[in-house]
Protein backbone atom coordinates (compact mmCIF):
# COMPACT_ATOMS: atom_id res chain seq x y z
CA UNK A 1 -52.51 7.10 68.02
CA UNK A 2 -51.16 3.58 68.48
CA UNK A 3 -47.80 2.42 67.18
CA UNK A 4 -47.53 -0.48 64.77
CA UNK A 5 -44.40 -1.60 66.59
CA UNK A 6 -42.81 -1.35 70.01
CA UNK A 7 -39.28 -0.05 70.47
CA UNK A 8 -37.01 -2.46 72.34
CA UNK A 9 -36.41 -1.74 75.99
CA UNK A 10 -33.14 0.15 76.62
CA UNK A 11 -30.63 -2.38 77.95
CA UNK A 12 -26.91 -2.43 78.54
CA UNK A 13 -24.19 -5.02 79.01
CA UNK A 14 -24.35 -4.32 82.75
CA UNK A 15 -28.00 -5.48 82.82
CA UNK A 16 -26.89 -9.08 82.20
CA UNK A 17 -25.33 -11.44 84.73
CA UNK A 18 -23.91 -14.94 84.50
CA UNK A 19 -26.73 -17.41 84.92
CA UNK A 20 -29.53 -15.13 83.69
CA UNK A 21 -32.12 -17.34 81.96
CA UNK A 22 -35.04 -16.68 79.64
CA UNK A 23 -37.52 -19.28 78.41
CA UNK A 24 -39.26 -18.16 75.24
CA UNK A 25 -42.78 -18.82 74.14
CA UNK A 26 -43.32 -21.67 71.69
CA UNK A 27 -43.50 -21.65 67.93
CA UNK A 28 -44.88 -24.54 65.90
CA UNK A 29 -42.92 -25.54 62.81
CA UNK A 30 -45.16 -26.39 59.87
CA UNK A 31 -44.48 -27.96 56.50
CA UNK A 32 -44.74 -24.53 54.88
CA UNK A 33 -41.78 -23.35 56.97
CA UNK A 34 -39.69 -26.28 55.76
CA UNK A 35 -40.73 -25.83 52.12
CA UNK A 36 -40.17 -22.07 52.23
CA UNK A 37 -36.74 -22.50 53.80
CA UNK A 38 -35.79 -24.97 51.05
CA UNK A 39 -36.84 -22.42 48.44
CA UNK A 40 -35.08 -19.53 50.17
CA UNK A 41 -31.78 -21.34 50.61
CA UNK A 42 -31.79 -23.69 47.62
CA UNK A 43 -31.40 -26.65 49.99
CA UNK A 44 -33.82 -29.11 48.41
CA UNK A 45 -32.15 -32.18 49.88
CA UNK A 46 -34.48 -35.20 50.11
CA UNK A 47 -34.51 -35.14 53.91
CA UNK A 48 -36.50 -31.91 53.71
CA UNK A 49 -38.48 -32.13 50.48
CA UNK A 50 -39.28 -35.74 49.52
CA UNK A 51 -42.02 -37.30 51.64
CA UNK A 52 -41.93 -40.64 49.76
CA UNK A 53 -38.17 -40.94 50.20
CA UNK A 54 -38.46 -40.15 53.89
CA UNK A 55 -41.08 -42.86 54.49
CA UNK A 56 -38.25 -45.38 54.15
CA UNK A 57 -35.80 -43.29 56.16
CA UNK A 58 -35.05 -43.76 59.86
CA UNK A 59 -37.09 -40.63 60.66
CA UNK A 60 -40.17 -41.73 58.68
CA UNK A 61 -41.04 -38.20 57.56
CA UNK A 62 -39.47 -34.98 56.33
CA UNK A 63 -37.32 -33.10 58.82
CA UNK A 64 -36.64 -29.40 59.24
CA UNK A 65 -33.30 -28.01 58.09
CA UNK A 66 -30.80 -27.52 60.91
CA UNK A 67 -30.25 -23.89 59.88
CA UNK A 68 -34.04 -23.38 59.99
CA UNK A 69 -34.13 -24.61 63.59
CA UNK A 70 -31.19 -22.33 64.41
CA UNK A 71 -32.91 -19.34 62.78
CA UNK A 72 -36.16 -19.94 64.62
CA UNK A 73 -34.26 -20.14 67.93
CA UNK A 74 -32.51 -16.82 67.32
CA UNK A 75 -35.83 -15.26 66.36
CA UNK A 76 -37.66 -16.58 69.42
CA UNK A 77 -35.08 -15.10 71.78
CA UNK A 78 -35.08 -11.83 69.84
CA UNK A 79 -38.86 -11.59 70.00
CA UNK A 80 -38.81 -12.22 73.75
CA UNK A 81 -37.17 -8.85 74.36
CA UNK A 82 -34.44 -10.48 76.45
CA UNK A 83 -31.68 -8.43 74.82
CA UNK A 84 -33.61 -5.18 74.54
CA UNK A 85 -31.43 -2.92 72.40
CA UNK A 86 -28.13 -3.95 74.01
CA UNK A 87 -26.72 -6.10 71.21
CA UNK A 88 -24.60 -4.30 68.62
CA UNK A 89 -22.93 -7.18 66.76
CA UNK A 90 -22.76 -10.94 66.44
CA UNK A 91 -19.23 -12.25 67.02
CA UNK A 92 -19.65 -15.99 66.49
CA UNK A 93 -21.75 -19.10 66.82
CA UNK A 94 -19.91 -22.08 68.31
CA UNK A 95 -20.60 -25.59 69.57
CA UNK A 96 -23.74 -25.97 67.46
CA UNK A 97 -25.15 -29.48 67.72
CA UNK A 98 -28.39 -30.80 66.27
CA UNK A 99 -29.27 -33.45 68.84
CA UNK A 100 -32.67 -34.61 67.53
CA UNK A 101 -34.68 -34.07 64.35
CA UNK A 102 -37.37 -31.41 64.15
CA UNK A 103 -40.56 -32.40 62.35
CA UNK A 104 -43.48 -30.41 60.98
CA UNK A 105 -45.87 -30.09 63.91
CA UNK A 106 -43.14 -29.77 66.55
CA UNK A 107 -43.45 -26.75 68.81
CA UNK A 108 -40.07 -25.28 69.70
CA UNK A 109 -39.04 -22.99 72.52
CA UNK A 110 -35.64 -21.85 73.73
CA UNK A 111 -34.04 -21.80 77.14
CA UNK A 112 -31.29 -19.17 76.78
CA UNK A 113 -28.69 -18.82 79.53
CA UNK A 114 -25.96 -16.20 79.91
CA UNK A 115 -22.79 -18.32 80.17
CA UNK A 116 -20.10 -15.72 79.42
CA UNK A 117 -19.96 -12.11 80.61
CA UNK A 118 -16.70 -10.31 79.81
CA UNK A 119 -16.43 -6.56 80.45
CA UNK A 120 -12.97 -6.25 78.92
CA UNK A 121 -13.75 -3.46 76.44
CA UNK A 122 -14.39 0.19 77.34
CA UNK A 123 -17.43 0.63 75.06
CA UNK A 124 -18.65 -2.94 74.62
CA UNK A 125 -18.77 -6.12 76.64
CA UNK A 126 -18.80 -9.64 75.30
CA UNK A 127 -21.92 -11.62 76.09
CA UNK A 128 -22.11 -15.39 75.55
CA UNK A 129 -25.53 -17.00 75.61
CA UNK A 130 -26.14 -20.74 75.37
CA UNK A 131 -29.32 -21.59 73.48
CA UNK A 132 -31.01 -24.88 74.34
CA UNK A 133 -33.72 -25.42 71.72
CA UNK A 134 -36.43 -27.77 72.94
CA UNK A 135 -39.52 -29.38 71.49
CA UNK A 136 -42.99 -29.72 72.99
CA UNK A 137 -41.84 -32.71 75.07
CA UNK A 138 -38.96 -30.72 76.55
CA UNK A 139 -36.39 -32.73 74.57
CA UNK A 140 -33.36 -30.74 73.46
CA UNK A 141 -33.18 -30.70 69.65
CA UNK A 142 -30.30 -28.24 69.25
CA UNK A 143 -27.76 -26.45 71.39
CA UNK A 144 -25.28 -23.68 70.55
CA UNK A 145 -23.35 -20.77 72.02
CA UNK A 146 -23.96 -17.33 70.54
CA UNK A 147 -21.34 -14.69 71.36
CA UNK A 148 -22.23 -11.02 70.85
CA UNK A 149 -21.07 -7.51 71.60
CA UNK A 150 -23.29 -5.53 73.95
CA UNK A 151 -23.02 -1.80 74.51
CA UNK A 152 -21.74 -0.68 77.90
CA UNK A 153 -23.65 1.85 79.98
CA UNK A 154 -20.77 2.95 82.14
CA UNK A 155 -18.07 3.85 79.67
CA UNK A 156 -14.55 3.52 81.00
CA UNK A 157 -11.69 5.89 80.20
C-alpha cells in the first residue's frame, strides 16, 4: 500500500555545516495567489488588488504582497527536504529586505545558505539560514535571515 505522504528524512543539527547551500525548484506566482493572500490577511491595499490604479503606478501592474513572497520562500525550502525533521522552533526572522517587486507570472526559487551554526546548547543548536529569493531571471527579489533551533544528535552532559 502506498503512502499519501512521505515522512521527512531524519536530520540533526550536526548534519548542517556553514556554507551548505540548497537551490529549490521554482514556483510561479499567479494572480489567484495574490488575491487569496489579500483575502486571507485582510491586506487589500491597492498595490495588490486594484489593476486600474496600478496601471498608473511605477510598477504598471499589481504586485505580490511582501509577506506572500516570504511565505512562498519558506514553503519552497521546506518542501525541498533540506531541513528534514531537524528544526524544532523558529527563533527569529531578521534583515528582511524586499529588493524588487514580484508580479503575477514570476517564477520564484530560493537559494538558501547556512550562515550561522552555533552548537552552544546541549539539546539544540542554533541554525541561521540566509534565504535569497530569486525570480526567473535570477534577480534577487527578497533576502532574509531565518534563525531556528535544530535538535542535536550527540547530546552533551
